[in-house]
Amino acid sequence: MFFKLKATARILTVSLLGLTIPHQFATAAELPVSLGSAANFSVLAGSTVTSSGATIIKGNLGLWPGTAVTGFPPGMVTGTKQINNLTAKAAQGDLTIAFNDAAGRSTAPVPVAGNIGGQTLPPGLYKSTSSLEISSGDLTLDGQGDPNAVFIFQIATTLVTTSGRQVILIGGAQAANVFWQVGTSATIGTASGMKGNILADQSISIQTGATLQGRALARIGAVTLQGNAISVPVTGGSGGSGGPLVTSTNLFVSAVSPITLNPQTGLFEQTVRIINNSQSTINAARLLVQALPADVRVYNASGSVSGTPFLQYNLALPPGAAGDLQIEYYRLNRRNIPQPAFIVQETTRLSVTATGPFIKINRNVQLPGGRILIEFSAIRGHRYAVQYSSDRQNWKTATPIITAPSNRVQWYDDGPPKTESKPTPGSRFYRIMVLP
């Protein structure tokens, strides 16, 4: 059974008039909103910054004039924390200038109202005299071939995305050039994928599991986080000293199952579904698993990036397609594992070109539920590849490559992403290759 993340805050559902907007407009191109020194922050707030769960902020965190920052750890900030100091004060001053700039744009605004979910919008200036929602479907922003295309949304009151809604960028559109000027407060719903710079007069709430490629910048009130991943986008301002910038992507985490202990294996397990909302096929994807407790290891990690483990989905994802990744966690004391934060990225296929000797499989067992257990003796730290075949003639290599954690390795064939399909009784033969 597959579960979506359970929302931890009540979303107010309102029946609003959906506005159909033509795809072409005769409008002058907007210039980006200059964020000044506020561009150096992924999160900037006025009163407080509060996090629960495994939030990870790729960049700097700032607060002025408030002094209270809570939830770090277990949350992580890859950059610096500027709390109630001159740096944060200057950033808040620049944020006010940027907020007023965005609010004051007036060249050929396109009126919008209510729910804009399910629409595809070209670059331009969009003006709502009340609230704005992304609720009935995902919102697509089309750069129409221009990587410098700018989107500015002037919202008189609130901005709300409901659970699971995504902002999708196509046609070269970049998250750094999307600006949401919010007259009061913004709420990004559970498991949503938000893009752009949120400039809120009051507060910003990013609910459980939602991700933001952009910045959460609140002038007066709080920024409240719940196990989120926030990354500063590539263009439209400096990322400061807070870590690497990221390219806009339309890969999203669309659902996450609870973390449960499998008594057969002694491992904790969790299934994460990723979805390709771009217009082209993605050759492979990787899921970074962030903000885990120090004593928890991703047992089936494909590798790591700057110390962050990842799992590779080594199959193609056509437009609109989804794929499931099963994560295996090891924790010696068997205590429950808090929900980590995820970032999914497009990548290249992992392949094995090396050849080596084959070693004996000690145990090959079909377990309840269909998975197959392979067990073999190993040398700790050495690398091994599991190969499988339906006819003992044509062999394929499972992913990821195994680095033996001990002198005995247990490997489970669950189907994708390790192998191309779920195994059935008697359908596969296996062998173990020792890699250099």
Protein backbone atom coordinates (compact mmCIF):
# COMPACT_ATOMS: atom_id res chain seq x y z
CA MET A 1 0.00 0.00 0.00
CA PHE A 2 1.28 3.46 -0.90
CA PHE A 3 0.75 6.55 1.18
CA LYS A 4 1.17 10.24 0.63
CA LEU A 5 2.65 12.28 3.42
CA LYS A 6 -0.02 13.16 5.94
CA ALA A 7 -0.67 16.88 6.12
CA THR A 8 0.14 18.37 9.51
CA ALA A 9 -1.76 21.57 9.03
CA ARG A 10 -5.33 22.11 7.91
CA ILE A 11 -5.64 23.56 4.43
CA LEU A 12 -8.66 25.78 3.95
CA THR A 13 -10.38 24.74 0.72
CA VAL A 14 -12.19 27.53 -1.02
CA SER A 15 -14.30 27.33 -4.17
CA LEU A 16 -12.85 30.02 -6.40
CA LEU A 17 -13.48 31.13 -9.92
CA GLY A 18 -10.83 29.71 -12.29
CA LEU A 19 -9.65 32.24 -14.83
CA THR A 20 -8.69 31.11 -18.32
CA ILE A 21 -5.75 33.10 -19.60
CA PRO A 22 -4.75 33.19 -23.28
CA HIS A 23 -1.24 31.95 -24.05
CA GLN A 24 -0.11 35.02 -25.98
CA PHE A 25 0.07 38.56 -24.63
CA ALA A 26 1.40 41.76 -26.15
CA THR A 27 3.29 42.87 -23.07
CA ALA A 28 6.67 44.43 -22.55
CA ALA A 29 9.33 42.20 -21.06
CA GLU A 30 9.80 42.66 -17.32
CA LEU A 31 13.20 43.12 -15.73
CA PRO A 32 14.08 40.92 -12.74
CA VAL A 33 13.42 42.28 -9.27
CA SER A 34 16.74 43.20 -7.68
CA LEU A 35 16.97 41.52 -4.28
CA GLY A 36 20.17 43.26 -3.23
CA SER A 37 21.84 41.57 -0.29
CA ALA A 38 18.61 39.62 0.41
CA ALA A 39 19.69 37.41 -2.53
CA ASN A 40 22.38 36.00 -0.24
CA PHE A 41 19.70 34.24 1.82
CA SER A 42 17.61 31.15 1.19
CA VAL A 43 15.47 32.00 4.23
CA LEU A 44 15.04 35.48 5.71
CA ALA A 45 12.45 36.41 8.34
CA GLY A 46 11.47 39.29 10.57
CA SER A 47 10.23 37.75 13.84
CA THR A 48 11.24 34.07 14.04
CA VAL A 49 12.44 31.09 12.01
CA THR A 50 10.98 27.79 13.22
CA SER A 51 11.65 24.32 11.85
CA SER A 52 10.31 20.90 12.75
CA GLY A 53 11.67 17.71 11.23
CA ALA A 54 14.56 17.26 8.84
CA THR A 55 14.60 20.62 7.07
CA ILE A 56 17.66 21.37 4.97
CA ILE A 57 18.43 24.88 3.78
CA LYS A 58 20.98 25.07 0.95
CA GLY A 59 22.21 28.58 1.62
CA ASN A 60 22.15 31.18 4.37
CA LEU A 61 19.52 31.86 7.02
CA GLY A 62 18.83 35.39 8.26
CA LEU A 63 16.65 36.99 10.93
CA TRP A 64 16.08 40.63 11.91
CA PRO A 65 14.88 42.18 14.20
CA GLY A 66 13.86 38.88 15.84
CA THR A 67 16.29 36.64 17.71
CA ALA A 68 14.57 33.23 17.93
CA VAL A 69 15.67 30.46 15.55
CA THR A 70 14.53 26.96 16.59
CA GLY A 71 14.74 23.48 15.10
CA PHE A 72 18.38 23.53 13.93
CA PRO A 73 19.30 20.75 14.60
CA PRO A 74 17.73 18.46 13.52
CA GLY A 75 17.32 20.90 10.63
CA MET A 76 20.48 21.80 8.69
CA VAL A 77 21.79 25.04 7.20
CA THR A 78 24.65 24.62 4.73
CA GLY A 79 25.57 28.30 4.87
CA THR A 80 25.77 30.79 7.72
CA LYS A 81 23.19 32.04 10.21
CA GLN A 82 22.94 35.81 10.44
CA ILE A 83 20.78 36.51 13.48
CA ASN A 84 19.86 40.02 14.66
CA ASN A 85 23.04 41.55 13.28
CA LEU A 86 23.94 44.26 10.77
CA THR A 87 24.11 41.76 7.88
CA ALA A 88 20.55 40.56 8.51
CA LYS A 89 19.35 44.13 9.06
CA ALA A 90 20.80 45.22 5.70
CA ALA A 91 19.19 42.23 3.97
CA GLN A 92 15.81 43.14 5.46
CA GLY A 93 16.26 46.69 4.20
CA ASP A 94 16.99 45.40 0.70
CA LEU A 95 14.02 43.03 0.94
CA THR A 96 11.71 45.98 1.65
CA ILE A 97 13.08 47.79 -1.42
CA ALA A 98 12.59 44.64 -3.55
CA PHE A 99 9.08 44.10 -2.17
CA ASN A 100 8.07 47.66 -3.05
CA ASP A 101 9.67 47.34 -6.49
CA ALA A 102 7.70 44.17 -7.27
CA ALA A 103 4.48 45.68 -5.90
CA GLY A 104 4.97 48.85 -7.92
CA ARG A 105 5.42 47.27 -11.36
CA SER A 106 2.64 48.54 -13.63
CA THR A 107 3.49 47.80 -17.27
CA ALA A 108 0.54 45.98 -18.86
CA PRO A 109 -0.39 43.76 -15.89
CA VAL A 110 -2.48 40.70 -16.69
CA PRO A 111 -5.36 40.34 -14.20
CA VAL A 112 -5.59 37.00 -12.40
CA ALA A 113 -7.85 35.84 -9.59
CA GLY A 114 -8.68 32.81 -7.51
CA ASN A 115 -7.19 29.51 -8.65
CA ILE A 116 -4.55 29.54 -11.41
CA GLY A 117 -3.74 25.82 -11.12
CA GLY A 118 -3.86 23.85 -14.34
CA GLN A 119 -2.81 26.79 -16.51
CA THR A 120 0.25 27.52 -18.65
CA LEU A 121 1.42 31.13 -18.45
CA PRO A 122 4.00 33.04 -20.56
CA PRO A 123 6.41 35.57 -19.07
CA GLY A 124 4.92 38.80 -17.79
CA LEU A 125 3.38 40.73 -14.92
CA TYR A 126 0.33 39.17 -13.26
CA LYS A 127 -1.84 41.10 -10.82
CA SER A 128 -4.38 39.77 -8.31
CA THR A 129 -6.42 42.25 -6.28
CA SER A 130 -7.17 39.61 -3.66
CA SER A 131 -5.73 36.13 -2.98
CA LEU A 132 -4.22 33.57 -5.34
CA GLU A 133 -4.27 29.77 -5.23
CA ILE A 134 -2.62 26.90 -7.05
CA SER A 135 -5.10 24.19 -6.21
CA SER A 136 -6.99 22.52 -9.09
CA GLY A 137 -3.84 21.43 -10.92
CA ASP A 138 -0.18 22.23 -11.39
CA LEU A 139 0.89 25.65 -12.68
CA THR A 140 3.23 25.72 -15.70
CA LEU A 141 5.38 28.76 -16.44
CA ASP A 142 6.62 28.82 -20.05
CA GLY A 143 9.78 30.85 -20.76
CA GLN A 144 9.10 30.47 -24.52
CA GLY A 145 12.75 29.80 -25.25
CA ASP A 146 14.12 32.73 -23.23
CA PRO A 147 16.23 31.71 -20.19
CA ASN A 148 16.01 35.33 -18.98
CA ALA A 149 12.20 35.42 -19.06
CA VAL A 150 10.74 37.07 -15.95
CA PHE A 151 7.48 36.24 -14.17
CA ILE A 152 6.15 38.61 -11.49
CA PHE A 153 2.99 37.87 -9.51
CA GLN A 154 1.50 40.75 -7.53
CA ILE A 155 -0.86 39.30 -4.92
CA ALA A 156 -2.81 41.68 -2.71
CA THR A 157 -3.43 39.23 0.14
CA THR A 158 -2.50 35.53 0.41
CA LEU A 159 -0.78 32.92 -1.74
CA VAL A 160 -1.72 29.26 -1.13
CA THR A 161 -0.67 26.06 -2.85
CA THR A 162 -2.66 23.03 -1.80
CA SER A 163 -1.22 19.59 -1.06
CA GLY A 164 0.93 18.08 -3.79
CA ARG A 165 0.66 20.96 -6.25
CA GLN A 166 3.70 21.82 -8.36
CA VAL A 167 5.04 24.84 -10.22
CA ILE A 168 6.53 23.48 -13.44
CA LEU A 169 9.06 25.43 -15.52
CA ILE A 170 9.33 24.87 -19.28
CA GLY A 171 10.71 26.70 -22.30
CA GLY A 172 13.89 27.76 -20.50
CA ALA A 173 12.12 29.42 -17.56
CA GLN A 174 14.32 29.73 -14.46
CA ALA A 175 13.25 29.69 -10.82
CA ALA A 176 15.52 32.65 -10.11
CA ASN A 177 13.42 34.84 -12.41
CA VAL A 178 10.07 34.04 -10.79
CA PHE A 179 8.87 36.51 -8.13
CA TRP A 180 5.83 36.10 -5.87
CA GLN A 181 5.05 39.43 -4.16
CA VAL A 182 2.56 38.51 -1.43
CA GLY A 183 0.62 41.27 0.32
CA THR A 184 0.10 39.28 3.52
CA SER A 185 1.24 35.65 3.96
CA ALA A 186 2.10 32.59 1.86
CA THR A 187 1.34 28.92 2.59
CA ILE A 188 3.05 26.20 0.56
CA GLY A 189 1.08 22.99 1.02
CA THR A 190 2.23 19.54 2.03
CA ALA A 191 4.51 17.83 -0.54
CA SER A 192 4.23 20.78 -2.95
CA GLY A 193 7.07 21.70 -5.31
CA MET A 194 7.36 25.50 -5.37
CA LYS A 195 9.58 27.58 -7.68
CA GLY A 196 10.71 31.18 -7.35
CA ASN A 197 11.37 33.93 -4.84
CA ILE A 198 8.58 34.45 -2.31
CA LEU A 199 8.55 38.04 -1.01
CA ALA A 200 5.89 38.14 1.71
CA ASP A 201 4.97 41.20 3.74
CA GLN A 202 4.05 39.05 6.75
CA SER A 203 4.86 35.35 7.05
CA ILE A 204 5.66 32.22 5.04
CA SER A 205 4.64 28.68 6.06
CA ILE A 206 6.11 25.74 4.14
CA GLN A 207 4.33 22.56 5.18
CA THR A 208 5.52 18.98 5.57
CA GLY A 209 7.72 17.65 2.79
CA ALA A 210 7.28 20.63 0.44
CA THR A 211 10.31 21.81 -1.52
CA LEU A 212 11.29 25.28 -2.69
CA GLN A 213 13.71 26.10 -5.47
CA GLY A 214 14.03 29.76 -4.67
CA ARG A 215 13.94 31.90 -1.54
CA ALA A 216 11.54 32.32 1.39
CA LEU A 217 11.79 36.02 2.33
CA ALA A 218 9.39 37.41 4.95
CA ARG A 219 9.56 41.08 5.94
CA ILE A 220 7.75 41.25 9.28
CA GLY A 221 6.63 37.84 10.47
CA ALA A 222 7.96 34.28 10.70
CA VAL A 223 9.17 31.64 8.31
CA THR A 224 7.85 28.26 9.50
CA LEU A 225 9.32 25.06 8.06
CA GLN A 226 8.35 21.38 8.40
CA GLY A 227 10.92 18.96 6.98
CA ASN A 228 11.56 20.93 3.78
CA ALA A 229 14.35 21.24 1.22
CA ILE A 230 15.11 24.80 0.14
CA SER A 231 17.71 25.57 -2.54
CA VAL A 232 18.81 28.89 -4.03
CA PRO A 233 18.41 28.79 -7.84
CA VAL A 234 21.18 29.37 -10.36
CA THR A 235 20.54 32.83 -11.81
CA GLY A 236 19.02 36.08 -10.68
CA GLY A 237 21.41 36.89 -7.84
CA SER A 238 24.24 35.44 -5.85
CA GLY A 239 23.84 32.44 -3.70
CA GLY A 240 26.27 33.95 -1.23
CA SER A 241 28.49 31.64 0.78
CA GLY A 242 25.66 29.27 1.51
CA GLY A 243 26.65 26.47 -0.82
CA PRO A 244 26.12 25.38 -4.42
CA LEU A 245 23.39 26.89 -6.55
CA VAL A 246 20.94 24.55 -8.25
CA THR A 247 19.41 24.42 -11.72
CA SER A 248 15.65 24.49 -12.06
CA THR A 249 14.20 21.02 -12.49
CA ASN A 250 10.76 19.53 -13.03
CA LEU A 251 11.53 16.33 -11.16
CA PHE A 252 9.47 16.11 -7.98
CA VAL A 253 8.89 13.81 -5.03
CA SER A 254 5.18 13.08 -5.36
CA ALA A 255 4.58 10.64 -2.49
CA VAL A 256 6.38 9.18 0.52
CA SER A 257 5.45 6.11 2.56
CA PRO A 258 5.99 5.81 6.32
CA ILE A 259 9.31 4.39 7.56
CA THR A 260 8.72 0.85 8.86
CA LEU A 261 10.98 -1.86 10.27
CA ASN A 262 11.13 -5.07 8.21
CA PRO A 263 11.57 -7.94 10.69
CA GLN A 264 12.82 -10.24 7.92
CA THR A 265 15.82 -8.05 7.13
CA GLY A 266 16.32 -5.96 10.27
CA LEU A 267 16.29 -2.86 8.05
CA PHE A 268 13.95 0.12 8.09
CA GLU A 269 12.24 0.64 4.73
CA GLN A 270 10.55 3.53 2.99
CA THR A 271 9.22 3.99 -0.55
CA VAL A 272 9.56 7.34 -2.31
CA ARG A 273 7.80 8.07 -5.58
CA ILE A 274 9.37 10.52 -8.01
CA ILE A 275 7.61 12.01 -11.04
CA ASN A 276 8.88 13.65 -14.22
CA ASN A 277 6.75 16.71 -14.93
CA SER A 278 8.99 17.97 -17.74
CA GLN A 279 8.24 17.72 -21.46
CA SER A 280 11.15 15.43 -22.26
CA THR A 281 12.39 12.02 -21.15
CA ILE A 282 14.84 11.98 -18.25
CA ASN A 283 17.48 9.28 -18.66
CA ALA A 284 18.05 8.75 -14.93
CA ALA A 285 17.38 10.45 -11.60
CA ARG A 286 18.89 10.43 -8.16
CA LEU A 287 17.25 11.04 -4.81
CA LEU A 288 19.39 12.74 -2.17
CA VAL A 289 18.49 11.69 1.38
CA GLN A 290 19.29 14.52 3.77
CA ALA A 291 19.30 15.38 7.48
CA LEU A 292 19.43 11.83 8.83
CA PRO A 293 20.57 11.21 12.42
CA ALA A 294 24.30 10.48 12.65
CA ASP A 295 23.71 6.82 13.60
CA VAL A 296 21.46 6.07 10.60
CA ARG A 297 22.94 4.74 7.37
CA VAL A 298 21.26 4.40 3.98
CA TYR A 299 22.03 0.71 3.54
CA ASN A 300 21.38 0.59 -0.22
CA ALA A 301 22.82 3.97 -1.19
CA SER A 302 24.08 4.23 -4.77
CA GLY A 303 26.72 6.75 -3.70
CA SER A 304 27.07 10.12 -2.01
CA VAL A 305 27.46 13.80 -2.94
CA SER A 306 29.46 15.89 -0.46
CA GLY A 307 28.61 13.34 2.23
CA THR A 308 24.89 13.16 1.38
CA PRO A 309 23.80 9.63 0.35
CA PHE A 310 21.66 9.18 -2.75
CA LEU A 311 19.70 6.45 -4.47
CA GLN A 312 19.77 6.26 -8.25
CA TYR A 313 16.71 5.55 -10.38
CA ASN A 314 18.65 4.06 -13.29
CA LEU A 315 15.74 3.78 -15.70
CA ALA A 316 14.28 6.30 -18.15
CA LEU A 317 11.35 8.45 -17.00
CA PRO A 318 9.23 9.66 -19.94
CA PRO A 319 7.16 12.86 -19.54
CA GLY A 320 4.54 12.36 -16.84
CA ALA A 321 6.00 9.04 -15.71
CA ALA A 322 6.61 8.11 -12.09
CA GLY A 323 9.02 5.66 -10.51
CA ASP A 324 9.37 4.20 -7.02
CA LEU A 325 12.59 4.02 -5.02
CA GLN A 326 12.73 1.81 -1.95
CA ILE A 327 15.17 3.13 0.66
CA GLU A 328 16.72 0.77 3.20
CA TYR A 329 17.96 2.35 6.44
CA TYR A 330 20.15 0.68 9.05
CA ARG A 331 20.03 1.72 12.71
CA LEU A 332 21.63 -0.52 15.30
CA ASN A 333 19.38 0.46 18.21
CA ARG A 334 16.18 0.02 16.12
CA ARG A 335 14.70 3.30 17.36
CA ASN A 336 12.25 4.96 15.00
CA ILE A 337 13.87 7.11 12.31
CA PRO A 338 12.62 10.67 11.79
CA GLN A 339 11.47 11.64 8.31
CA PRO A 340 14.46 12.83 6.24
CA ALA A 341 14.39 15.60 3.62
CA PHE A 342 14.61 14.69 -0.07
CA ILE A 343 15.91 16.42 -3.17
CA VAL A 344 15.52 14.72 -6.56
CA GLN A 345 17.87 15.57 -9.44
CA GLU A 346 18.29 14.62 -13.08
CA THR A 347 21.53 12.71 -13.70
CA THR A 348 23.26 10.29 -16.08
CA ARG A 349 22.93 6.52 -16.08
CA LEU A 350 25.17 4.46 -13.84
CA SER A 351 26.89 1.71 -15.79
CA VAL A 352 29.38 -1.04 -15.02
CA THR A 353 32.00 -1.71 -17.70
CA ALA A 354 34.51 -3.55 -15.55
CA THR A 355 34.68 -7.34 -15.49
CA GLY A 356 35.97 -9.57 -12.77
CA PRO A 357 35.77 -13.02 -11.23
CA PHE A 358 32.51 -14.45 -9.97
CA ILE A 359 31.97 -15.78 -6.45
CA LYS A 360 29.56 -18.26 -4.96
CA ILE A 361 26.07 -17.28 -3.81
CA ASN A 362 25.46 -18.79 -0.39
CA ARG A 363 21.70 -18.33 -0.31
CA ASN A 364 18.98 -17.53 -2.87
CA VAL A 365 15.50 -17.38 -1.30
CA GLN A 366 12.11 -16.11 -2.47
CA LEU A 367 10.56 -14.19 0.44
CA PRO A 368 6.90 -13.42 1.15
CA GLY A 369 5.73 -10.51 -0.95
CA GLY A 370 7.80 -11.56 -3.99
CA ARG A 371 11.23 -10.16 -3.21
CA ILE A 372 14.29 -12.38 -3.59
CA LEU A 373 17.10 -12.53 -1.03
CA ILE A 374 20.64 -13.08 -2.26
CA GLU A 375 23.35 -13.68 0.36
CA PHE A 376 27.08 -14.02 -0.26
CA SER A 377 30.39 -13.88 1.60
CA ALA A 378 32.44 -10.71 1.02
CA ILE A 379 35.46 -8.71 2.08
CA ARG A 380 34.51 -5.58 3.97
CA GLY A 381 35.02 -2.47 1.80
CA HIS A 382 35.32 -4.37 -1.49
CA ARG A 383 32.94 -3.66 -4.40
CA TYR A 384 30.54 -6.19 -5.93
CA ALA A 385 27.96 -6.20 -8.71
CA VAL A 386 24.86 -8.38 -8.78
CA GLN A 387 24.01 -9.59 -12.28
CA TYR A 388 20.75 -11.24 -13.32
CA SER A 389 19.46 -13.11 -16.36
CA SER A 390 16.38 -14.99 -17.50
CA ASP A 391 18.33 -17.41 -19.74
CA ARG A 392 21.92 -17.48 -18.35
CA GLN A 393 23.08 -16.00 -21.65
CA ASN A 394 22.15 -12.32 -21.51
CA TRP A 395 23.20 -10.76 -18.21
CA LYS A 396 22.22 -7.37 -16.83
CA THR A 397 23.81 -5.52 -13.92
CA ALA A 398 21.64 -4.44 -11.01
CA THR A 399 22.12 -1.07 -9.35
CA PRO A 400 23.59 0.18 -7.15
CA ILE A 401 27.07 -1.31 -7.02
CA ILE A 402 27.58 -2.82 -3.56
CA THR A 403 30.39 -1.80 -1.24
CA ALA A 404 30.42 -4.60 1.33
CA PRO A 405 29.63 -3.30 4.85
CA SER A 406 30.78 -6.57 6.47
CA ASN A 407 31.95 -10.06 5.59
CA ARG A 408 28.39 -11.08 4.73
CA VAL A 409 26.13 -9.23 2.30
CA GLN A 410 22.37 -9.60 2.00
CA TRP A 411 20.90 -8.13 -1.20
CA TYR A 412 17.21 -7.97 -2.06
CA ASP A 413 15.72 -7.90 -5.56
CA ASP A 414 12.65 -5.69 -5.24
CA GLY A 415 12.41 -4.71 -8.91
CA PRO A 416 12.99 -1.11 -10.00
CA PRO A 417 15.28 0.67 -9.50
CA LYS A 418 17.63 -2.24 -8.72
CA THR A 419 16.41 -4.36 -11.62
CA GLU A 420 14.21 -3.68 -14.63
CA SER A 421 11.09 -5.38 -13.24
CA LYS A 422 9.84 -7.19 -10.17
CA PRO A 423 11.01 -10.82 -10.03
CA THR A 424 8.66 -13.77 -10.21
CA PRO A 425 9.37 -17.28 -8.88
CA GLY A 426 11.94 -19.04 -11.06
CA SER A 427 12.20 -16.13 -13.52
CA ARG A 428 15.79 -15.12 -12.79
CA PHE A 429 19.27 -16.45 -12.31
CA TYR A 430 21.86 -14.45 -10.37
CA ARG A 431 25.63 -14.23 -10.13
CA ILE A 432 28.03 -12.02 -8.13
CA MET A 433 30.92 -10.23 -9.84
CA VAL A 434 33.92 -8.95 -7.86
CA LEU A 435 34.87 -5.48 -9.08
CA PRO A 436 38.34 -3.90 -9.04
